[in-house]
C-alpha atoms as a PDB file:
ATOM      1  CA  UNK A   1      -0.286  -0.217  -0.088  1.00  0.00           C
ATOM      2  CA  UNK A   2       1.511   2.889  -0.572  1.00  0.00           C
ATOM      3  CA  UNK A   3       2.439   5.940   1.576  1.00  0.00           C
ATOM      4  CA  UNK A   4      -0.381   8.872   2.279  1.00  0.00           C
ATOM      5  CA  UNK A   5       0.654  12.571   1.351  1.00  0.00           C
ATOM      6  CA  UNK A   6      -0.221  15.200   3.720  1.00  0.00           C
ATOM      7  CA  UNK A   7       0.870  18.408   2.329  1.00  0.00           C
ATOM      8  CA  UNK A   8       1.847  21.773   4.482  1.00  0.00           C
ATOM      9  CA  UNK A   9       1.408  24.606   2.624  1.00  0.00           C
ATOM     10  CA  UNK A  10       2.509  27.344   4.743  1.00  0.00           C
ATOM     11  CA  UNK A  11       4.394  26.011   7.677  1.00  0.00           C
ATOM     12  CA  UNK A  12       5.687  29.430   9.332  1.00  0.00           C
ATOM     13  CA  UNK A  13       6.627  26.576  12.120  1.00  0.00           C
ATOM     14  CA  UNK A  14       9.068  25.449   8.961  1.00  0.00           C
ATOM     15  CA  UNK A  15      10.941  28.466   8.301  1.00  0.00           C
ATOM     16  CA  UNK A  16      14.156  29.258   8.522  1.00  0.00           C
ATOM     17  CA  UNK A  17      15.766  32.920   9.731  1.00  0.00           C
ATOM     18  CA  UNK A  18      16.758  33.286   5.770  1.00  0.00           C
ATOM     19  CA  UNK A  19      13.144  32.716   5.375  1.00  0.00           C
ATOM     20  CA  UNK A  20      12.958  29.135   3.794  1.00  0.00           C
ATOM     21  CA  UNK A  21      11.523  26.144   4.502  1.00  0.00           C
ATOM     22  CA  UNK A  22      13.738  23.804   5.915  1.00  0.00           C
ATOM     23  CA  UNK A  23      11.545  20.305   6.430  1.00  0.00           C
ATOM     24  CA  UNK A  24      13.420  19.041   9.206  1.00  0.00           C
ATOM     25  CA  UNK A  25      12.471  21.201  11.743  1.00  0.00           C
ATOM     26  CA  UNK A  26       8.979  19.170  11.473  1.00  0.00           C
ATOM     27  CA  UNK A  27       9.990  16.733  14.156  1.00  0.00           C
ATOM     28  CA  UNK A  28       7.072  16.520  16.241  1.00  0.00           C
ATOM     29  CA  UNK A  29       5.311  15.645  12.708  1.00  0.00           C
ATOM     30  CA  UNK A  30       7.136  12.660  11.606  1.00  0.00           C
ATOM     31  CA  UNK A  31       7.455  11.101  15.314  1.00  0.00           C
ATOM     32  CA  UNK A  32       3.329  11.677  15.083  1.00  0.00           C
ATOM     33  CA  UNK A  33       3.134   9.922  12.058  1.00  0.00           C
ATOM     34  CA  UNK A  34       5.816   7.934  11.523  1.00  0.00           C
ATOM     35  CA  UNK A  35       6.997   6.123   8.398  1.00  0.00           C
ATOM     36  CA  UNK A  36       3.438   5.733   7.174  1.00  0.00           C
ATOM     37  CA  UNK A  37       3.035   9.181   5.794  1.00  0.00           C
ATOM     38  CA  UNK A  38       4.906  10.976   3.372  1.00  0.00           C
ATOM     39  CA  UNK A  39       5.562  14.728   4.175  1.00  0.00           C
ATOM     40  CA  UNK A  40       5.506  17.693   2.121  1.00  0.00           C
ATOM     41  CA  UNK A  41       5.689  21.029   1.945  1.00  0.00           C
ATOM     42  CA  UNK A  42       5.283  23.651   0.222  1.00  0.00           C
ATOM     43  CA  UNK A  43       8.715  26.282  -0.294  1.00  0.00           C
ATOM     44  CA  UNK A  44       9.464  29.572   0.594  1.00  0.00           C
ATOM     45  CA  UNK A  45      11.152  32.220  -0.891  1.00  0.00           C
ATOM     46  CA  UNK A  46      12.273  35.262   1.279  1.00  0.00           C
ATOM     47  CA  UNK A  47       9.475  34.515   3.322  1.00  0.00           C
ATOM     48  CA  UNK A  48       7.241  34.005   0.803  1.00  0.00           C
ATOM     49  CA  UNK A  49       5.221  30.569   0.313  1.00  0.00           C
ATOM     50  CA  UNK A  50       5.329  29.462  -3.667  1.00  0.00           C
ATOM     51  CA  UNK A  51       1.836  27.613  -4.509  1.00  0.00           C
ATOM     52  CA  UNK A  52       2.121  27.970  -7.929  1.00  0.00           C
ATOM     53  CA  UNK A  53       5.357  26.352  -9.234  1.00  0.00           C
ATOM     54  CA  UNK A  54       5.429  22.298 -10.769  1.00  0.00           C
ATOM     55  CA  UNK A  55       6.483  20.916  -7.606  1.00  0.00           C
ATOM     56  CA  UNK A  56       3.755  22.719  -5.039  1.00  0.00           C
ATOM     57  CA  UNK A  57       0.973  21.381  -7.977  1.00  0.00           C
ATOM     58  CA  UNK A  58       2.152  18.318  -8.108  1.00  0.00           C
ATOM     59  CA  UNK A  59       1.924  18.248  -4.146  1.00  0.00           C
ATOM     60  CA  UNK A  60      -1.272  19.243  -4.359  1.00  0.00           C
ATOM     61  CA  UNK A  61      -2.337  16.256  -6.930  1.00  0.00           C
ATOM     62  CA  UNK A  62      -0.836  13.739  -5.277  1.00  0.00           C
ATOM     63  CA  UNK A  63      -1.751  15.424  -1.395  1.00  0.00           C
ATOM     64  CA  UNK A  64      -4.997  13.369   0.500  1.00  0.00           C
ATOM     65  CA  UNK A  65      -4.428  16.016   3.589  1.00  0.00           C
ATOM     66  CA  UNK A  66      -3.672  19.723   3.827  1.00  0.00           C
ATOM     67  CA  UNK A  67      -2.483  21.370   6.891  1.00  0.00           C
ATOM     68  CA  UNK A  68      -3.312  25.395   6.132  1.00  0.00           C
ATOM     69  CA  UNK A  69      -2.773  28.136   8.321  1.00  0.00           C
ATOM     70  CA  UNK A  70      -3.406  31.307   6.177  1.00  0.00           C
ATOM     71  CA  UNK A  71      -3.670  29.140   2.808  1.00  0.00           C
ATOM     72  CA  UNK A  72      -7.188  29.739   1.565  1.00  0.00           C
ATOM     73  CA  UNK A  73      -9.541  26.981  -0.151  1.00  0.00           C
ATOM     74  CA  UNK A  74     -10.708  27.856  -3.167  1.00  0.00           C
ATOM     75  CA  UNK A  75     -12.662  25.589  -5.722  1.00  0.00           C
ATOM     76  CA  UNK A  76      -9.577  25.689  -7.598  1.00  0.00           C
ATOM     77  CA  UNK A  77      -7.729  23.868  -4.957  1.00  0.00           C
ATOM     78  CA  UNK A  78     -10.267  21.415  -4.699  1.00  0.00           C
ATOM     79  CA  UNK A  79     -10.237  20.551  -8.306  1.00  0.00           C
ATOM     80  CA  UNK A  80      -6.651  20.384  -8.411  1.00  0.00           C
ATOM     81  CA  UNK A  81      -6.586  17.755  -4.881  1.00  0.00           C
ATOM     82  CA  UNK A  82      -8.449  14.755  -6.873  1.00  0.00           C
ATOM     83  CA  UNK A  83      -7.067  13.034  -4.168  1.00  0.00           C
ATOM     84  CA  UNK A  84      -8.209  15.183  -0.965  1.00  0.00           C
ATOM     85  CA  UNK A  85     -10.036  13.868   1.571  1.00  0.00           C
ATOM     86  CA  UNK A  86      -9.391  16.080   4.539  1.00  0.00           C
ATOM     87  CA  UNK A  87      -7.997  19.390   5.409  1.00  0.00           C
ATOM     88  CA  UNK A  88      -6.612  20.445   8.365  1.00  0.00           C
ATOM     89  CA  UNK A  89      -6.441  24.461   9.476  1.00  0.00           C
ATOM     90  CA  UNK A  90      -3.618  25.766  12.463  1.00  0.00           C
ATOM     91  CA  UNK A  91      -5.705  28.668  13.983  1.00  0.00           C
ATOM     92  CA  UNK A  92      -9.109  29.672  15.541  1.00  0.00           C
ATOM     93  CA  UNK A  93     -10.853  30.693  13.132  1.00  0.00           C
ATOM     94  CA  UNK A  94     -11.821  28.855   9.913  1.00  0.00           C
ATOM     95  CA  UNK A  95     -12.728  30.976   7.162  1.00  0.00           C
ATOM     96  CA  UNK A  96     -10.124  30.129   4.705  1.00  0.00           C
ATOM     97  CA  UNK A  97     -11.137  26.341   5.121  1.00  0.00           C
ATOM     98  CA  UNK A  98     -13.895  27.176   3.138  1.00  0.00           C
ATOM     99  CA  UNK A  99     -16.809  24.745   5.015  1.00  0.00           C
ATOM    100  CA  UNK A 100     -19.373  24.858   2.546  1.00  0.00           C
ATOM    101  CA  UNK A 101     -17.161  24.260  -0.383  1.00  0.00           C
ATOM    102  CA  UNK A 102     -15.458  21.444   1.599  1.00  0.00           C
ATOM    103  CA  UNK A 103     -18.741  19.974   2.353  1.00  0.00           C
ATOM    104  CA  UNK A 104     -20.183  20.039  -0.785  1.00  0.00           C
ATOM    105  CA  UNK A 105     -17.250  17.953  -1.685  1.00  0.00           C
ATOM    106  CA  UNK A 106     -17.233  15.646   0.929  1.00  0.00           C
ATOM    107  CA  UNK A 107     -13.954  16.388   2.100  1.00  0.00           C
ATOM    108  CA  UNK A 108     -13.559  17.159   6.311  1.00  0.00           C
ATOM    109  CA  UNK A 109     -12.039  19.997   7.716  1.00  0.00           C
ATOM    110  CA  UNK A 110     -11.001  21.346  11.224  1.00  0.00           C
ATOM    111  CA  UNK A 111      -9.779  24.030  13.504  1.00  0.00           C
ATOM    112  CA  UNK A 112      -7.797  24.139  16.354  1.00  0.00           C
ATOM    113  CA  UNK A 113      -9.870  25.984  18.541  1.00  0.00           C
ATOM    114  CA  UNK A 114      -7.391  26.577  21.572  1.00  0.00           C
ATOM    115  CA  UNK A 115      -4.304  27.503  19.308  1.00  0.00           C
ATOM    116  CA  UNK A 116      -2.353  30.091  20.917  1.00  0.00           C
ATOM    117  CA  UNK A 117      -5.358  30.927  23.118  1.00  0.00           C
ATOM    118  CA  UNK A 118      -2.557  32.747  25.991  1.00  0.00           C
ATOM    119  CA  UNK A 119      -0.145  34.233  23.118  1.00  0.00           C
ATOM    120  CA  UNK A 120      -3.511  36.190  21.662  1.00  0.00           C
ATOM    121  CA  UNK A 121      -4.939  37.083  24.968  1.00  0.00           C
ATOM    122  CA  UNK A 122      -1.289  38.692  26.180  1.00  0.00           C
ATOM    123  CA  UNK A 123      -1.028  40.587  22.910  1.00  0.00           C
ATOM    124  CA  UNK A 124      -4.448  41.883  22.616  1.00  0.00           C
ATOM    125  CA  UNK A 125      -3.468  42.914  26.489  1.00  0.00           C
ATOM    126  CA  UNK A 126      -0.349  44.346  25.573  1.00  0.00           C
ATOM    127  CA  UNK A 127      -1.330  46.563  22.406  1.00  0.00           C
ATOM    128  CA  UNK A 128      -4.023  48.271  24.204  1.00  0.00           C
ATOM    129  CA  UNK A 129      -1.771  48.865  27.031  1.00  0.00           C
ATOM    130  CA  UNK A 130       0.416  50.012  25.189  1.00  0.00           C
ATOM    131  CA  UNK A 131      -2.139  52.427  23.376  1.00  0.00           C
ATOM    132  CA  UNK A 132      -3.784  53.706  26.962  1.00  0.00           C
ATOM    133  CA  UNK A 133      -0.467  54.575  28.166  1.00  0.00           C
ATOM    134  CA  UNK A 134       1.077  56.379  25.274  1.00  0.00           C
ATOM    135  CA  UNK A 135       3.608  54.136  24.681  1.00  0.00           C
ATOM    136  CA  UNK A 136       4.255  54.024  21.055  1.00  0.00           C
ATOM    137  CA  UNK A 137       4.154  58.162  21.382  1.00  0.00           C
ATOM    138  CA  UNK A 138       7.241  58.175  24.299  1.00  0.00           C
ATOM    139  CA  UNK A 139       9.363  56.160  22.125  1.00  0.00           C
ATOM    140  CA  UNK A 140       9.600  58.179  18.947  1.00  0.00           C
ATOM    141  CA  UNK A 141      10.304  60.812  20.760  1.00  0.00           C
ATOM    142  CA  UNK A 142      12.522  59.281  23.013  1.00  0.00           C
ATOM    143  CA  UNK A 143      13.893  57.275  19.890  1.00  0.00           C
ATOM    144  CA  UNK A 144      15.508  61.259  18.710  1.00  0.00           C
ATOM    145  CA  UNK A 145      16.561  62.574  21.587  1.00  0.00           C
ATOM    146  CA  UNK A 146      13.897  63.863  22.861  1.00  0.00           C
ATOM    147  CA  UNK A 147      12.480  63.418  26.509  1.00  0.00           C
ATOM    148  CA  UNK A 148       9.125  64.315  27.502  1.00  0.00           C
ATOM    149  CA  UNK A 149       6.831  62.564  29.551  1.00  0.00           C
ATOM    150  CA  UNK A 150       4.273  64.020  28.267  1.00  0.00           C
ATOM    151  CA  UNK A 151       4.094  63.161  25.183  1.00  0.00           C
ATOM    152  CA  UNK A 152       1.145  61.615  23.280  1.00  0.00           C
ATOM    153  CA  UNK A 153      -0.694  63.441  25.978  1.00  0.00           C
ATOM    154  CA  UNK A 154      -2.021  62.335  28.777  1.00  0.00           C
ATOM    155  CA  UNK A 155      -3.112  59.044  29.668  1.00  0.00           C
ATOM    156  CA  UNK A 156      -6.918  57.990  30.932  1.00  0.00           C
ATOM    157  CA  UNK A 157      -6.779  56.223  34.608  1.00  0.00           C
ATOM    158  CA  UNK A 158      -8.179  52.676  33.660  1.00  0.00           C
ATOM    159  CA  UNK A 159     -10.020  52.007  37.381  1.00  0.00           C
ATOM    160  CA  UNK A 160     -12.761  54.781  35.872  1.00  0.00           C
ATOM    161  CA  UNK A 161     -13.134  53.029  32.747  1.00  0.00           C
ATOM    162  CA  UNK A 162     -15.101  50.440  31.084  1.00  0.00           C
ATOM    163  CA  UNK A 163     -13.676  47.862  28.207  1.00  0.00           C
ATOM    164  CA  UNK A 164     -16.064  46.088  26.126  1.00  0.00           C
ATOM    165  CA  UNK A 165     -14.975  42.326  24.821  1.00  0.00           C
ATOM    166  CA  UNK A 166     -16.638  41.374  21.776  1.00  0.00           C
ATOM    167  CA  UNK A 167     -17.140  37.491  21.214  1.00  0.00           C
ATOM    168  CA  UNK A 168     -16.643  35.574  24.770  1.00  0.00           C
ATOM    169  CA  UNK A 169     -15.003  32.461  23.497  1.00  0.00           C
ATOM    170  CA  UNK A 170     -11.206  30.583  25.272  1.00  0.00           C
ATOM    171  CA  UNK A 171      -9.770  33.739  23.453  1.00  0.00           C
ATOM    172  CA  UNK A 172     -12.356  36.128  24.633  1.00  0.00           C
ATOM    173  CA  UNK A 173     -12.441  35.027  28.079  1.00  0.00           C
ATOM    174  CA  UNK A 174      -8.457  35.053  28.400  1.00  0.00           C
ATOM    175  CA  UNK A 175      -8.116  38.938  27.178  1.00  0.00           C
ATOM    176  CA  UNK A 176     -11.574  39.331  30.233  1.00  0.00           C
ATOM    177  CA  UNK A 177      -8.886  37.404  32.456  1.00  0.00           C
ATOM    178  CA  UNK A 178      -5.694  40.214  31.620  1.00  0.00           C
ATOM    179  CA  UNK A 179      -7.349  42.697  31.659  1.00  0.00           C
ATOM    180  CA  UNK A 180      -9.666  43.038  34.902  1.00  0.00           C
ATOM    181  CA  UNK A 181      -6.500  44.108  37.407  1.00  0.00           C
ATOM    182  CA  UNK A 182      -6.498  47.007  34.801  1.00  0.00           C
ATOM    183  CA  UNK A 183     -10.257  48.513  34.076  1.00  0.00           C
ATOM    184  CA  UNK A 184     -13.299  49.408  36.297  1.00  0.00           C
ATOM    185  CA  UNK A 185     -15.650  47.069  34.764  1.00  0.00           C
ATOM    186  CA  UNK A 186     -15.813  44.577  31.279  1.00  0.00           C
ATOM    187  CA  UNK A 187     -18.708  43.977  29.595  1.00  0.00           C
ATOM    188  CA  UNK A 188     -19.075  41.335  26.974  1.00  0.00           C
ATOM    189  CA  UNK A 189     -21.548  40.246  24.201  1.00  0.00           C
ATOM    190  CA  UNK A 190     -21.279  37.120  22.725  1.00  0.00           C
ATOM    191  CA  UNK A 191     -24.914  36.068  22.008  1.00  0.00           C
ATOM    192  CA  UNK A 192     -23.731  32.043  21.993  1.00  0.00           C
ATOM    193  CA  UNK A 193     -22.828  32.340  25.769  1.00  0.00           C
ATOM    194  CA  UNK A 194     -24.927  32.785  28.153  1.00  0.00           C
ATOM    195  CA  UNK A 195     -25.271  35.523  31.450  1.00  0.00           C
ATOM    196  CA  UNK A 196     -23.831  32.863  33.763  1.00  0.00           C
ATOM    197  CA  UNK A 197     -20.817  31.877  32.132  1.00  0.00           C
ATOM    198  CA  UNK A 198     -19.869  35.715  31.370  1.00  0.00           C
ATOM    199  CA  UNK A 199     -20.297  36.582  34.922  1.00  0.00           C
ATOM    200  CA  UNK A 200     -17.903  33.844  36.183  1.00  0.00           C
ATOM    201  CA  UNK A 201     -15.439  35.389  34.121  1.00  0.00           C
ATOM    202  CA  UNK A 202     -15.866  38.612  35.523  1.00  0.00           C
ATOM    203  CA  UNK A 203     -17.737  40.699  32.771  1.00  0.00           C
ATOM    204  CA  UNK A 204     -21.807  41.554  32.380  1.00  0.00           C
ATOM    205  CA  UNK A 205     -23.686  40.795  29.560  1.00  0.00           C
ATOM    206  CA  UNK A 206     -24.903  43.089  27.617  1.00  0.00           C
ATOM    207  CA  UNK A 207     -26.486  43.856  24.203  1.00  0.00           C
ATOM    208  CA  UNK A 208     -24.101  45.026  21.270  1.00  0.00           C
ATOM    209  CA  UNK A 209     -25.621  48.429  20.857  1.00  0.00           C
ATOM    210  CA  UNK A 210     -25.399  48.944  25.137  1.00  0.00           C
ATOM    211  CA  UNK A 211     -21.565  47.405  24.934  1.00  0.00           C
ATOM    212  CA  UNK A 212     -20.817  50.408  21.959  1.00  0.00           C
ATOM    213  CA  UNK A 213     -22.421  53.171  24.550  1.00  0.00           C
ATOM    214  CA  UNK A 214     -20.155  51.757  27.689  1.00  0.00           C
ATOM    215  CA  UNK A 215     -17.182  51.048  26.798  1.00  0.00           C
ATOM    216  CA  UNK A 216     -13.805  53.072  26.589  1.00  0.00           C
ATOM    217  CA  UNK A 217     -12.062  50.806  24.459  1.00  0.00           C
ATOM    218  CA  UNK A 218     -13.684  47.766  22.242  1.00  0.00           C
ATOM    219  CA  UNK A 219     -11.660  44.594  21.714  1.00  0.00           C
ATOM    220  CA  UNK A 220     -12.828  42.230  18.856  1.00  0.00           C
ATOM    221  CA  UNK A 221     -12.605  38.588  18.933  1.00  0.00           C
ATOM    222  CA  UNK A 222     -15.620  36.602  17.084  1.00  0.00           C
ATOM    223  CA  UNK A 223     -15.222  33.956  14.401  1.00  0.00           C
ATOM    224  CA  UNK A 224     -15.143  35.120  11.149  1.00  0.00           C
ATOM    225  CA  UNK A 225     -18.267  34.499   9.184  1.00  0.00           C
ATOM    226  CA  UNK A 226     -20.946  35.677   7.503  1.00  0.00           C
ATOM    227  CA  UNK A 227     -22.931  36.586  10.617  1.00  0.00           C
ATOM    228  CA  UNK A 228     -20.097  38.973  11.451  1.00  0.00           C
ATOM    229  CA  UNK A 229     -18.169  40.337   8.516  1.00  0.00           C
ATOM    230  CA  UNK A 230     -18.967  44.081   8.083  1.00  0.00           C
ATOM    231  CA  UNK A 231     -19.315  43.849  12.208  1.00  0.00           C
ATOM    232  CA  UNK A 232     -17.843  46.987  12.636  1.00  0.00           C
ATOM    233  CA  UNK A 233     -19.926  49.073  10.052  1.00  0.00           C
ATOM    234  CA  UNK A 234     -20.772  52.945  10.098  1.00  0.00           C
ATOM    235  CA  UNK A 235     -23.472  52.479  13.554  1.00  0.00           C
ATOM    236  CA  UNK A 236     -21.625  50.938  15.403  1.00  0.00           C
ATOM    237  CA  UNK A 237     -19.115  53.597  14.738  1.00  0.00           C
ATOM    238  CA  UNK A 238     -21.821  56.318  15.535  1.00  0.00           C
ATOM    239  CA  UNK A 239     -22.359  54.476  18.497  1.00  0.00           C
ATOM    240  CA  UNK A 240     -19.571  54.759  20.059  1.00  0.00           C
ATOM    241  CA  UNK A 241     -18.140  57.226  22.700  1.00  0.00           C
ATOM    242  CA  UNK A 242     -16.469  60.296  20.770  1.00  0.00           C
END
């Protein structure tokens, strides 16, 4: 029996500092799959993955499984990958899986729901606090030799403010935990999470309009799908504080 082929379309973890892909870095994958599978990797030049050369087209045609990150599943991909049976997304969202297309083609697709929860939550808190404390403005002044503790204006006192979180899944809850020591109150909007569960994580459940009107800062963490595409529109912005 011939080996099954698993193709990694954009394996960021296998990239070298020089911006190319080194399949030897797939030590965990080879340990898991053993000798039963043929692991292949899209090439990368200067940090750009190559998806339009003959090698990739051959690998795609022979792939039984795809492992994607930012790579998008399209009808062209499905038609070219005639042996394809499963697609794994290395990430939380599944908008680039094109679930309806996969379903119609009889191909299984899945994401990794708990991927990088801590990293995303920590980065969200870092960006928001940097904004609140005018870190970037102060750095830019200091980098050109000017020391000014008032660069960027006077920071707000966070213990007087409310932060709103849209989307209260794994990452939204982790963000709430990291922001709770800084802000006076956390409000959350998620029609699929119960009030009791949101309160258990130290936030108050509110509607979207109320969240916009009450929040001094808003962090967005919903899945990207038909329901959430265009969520932040003119009406959303008009309902926010100045």
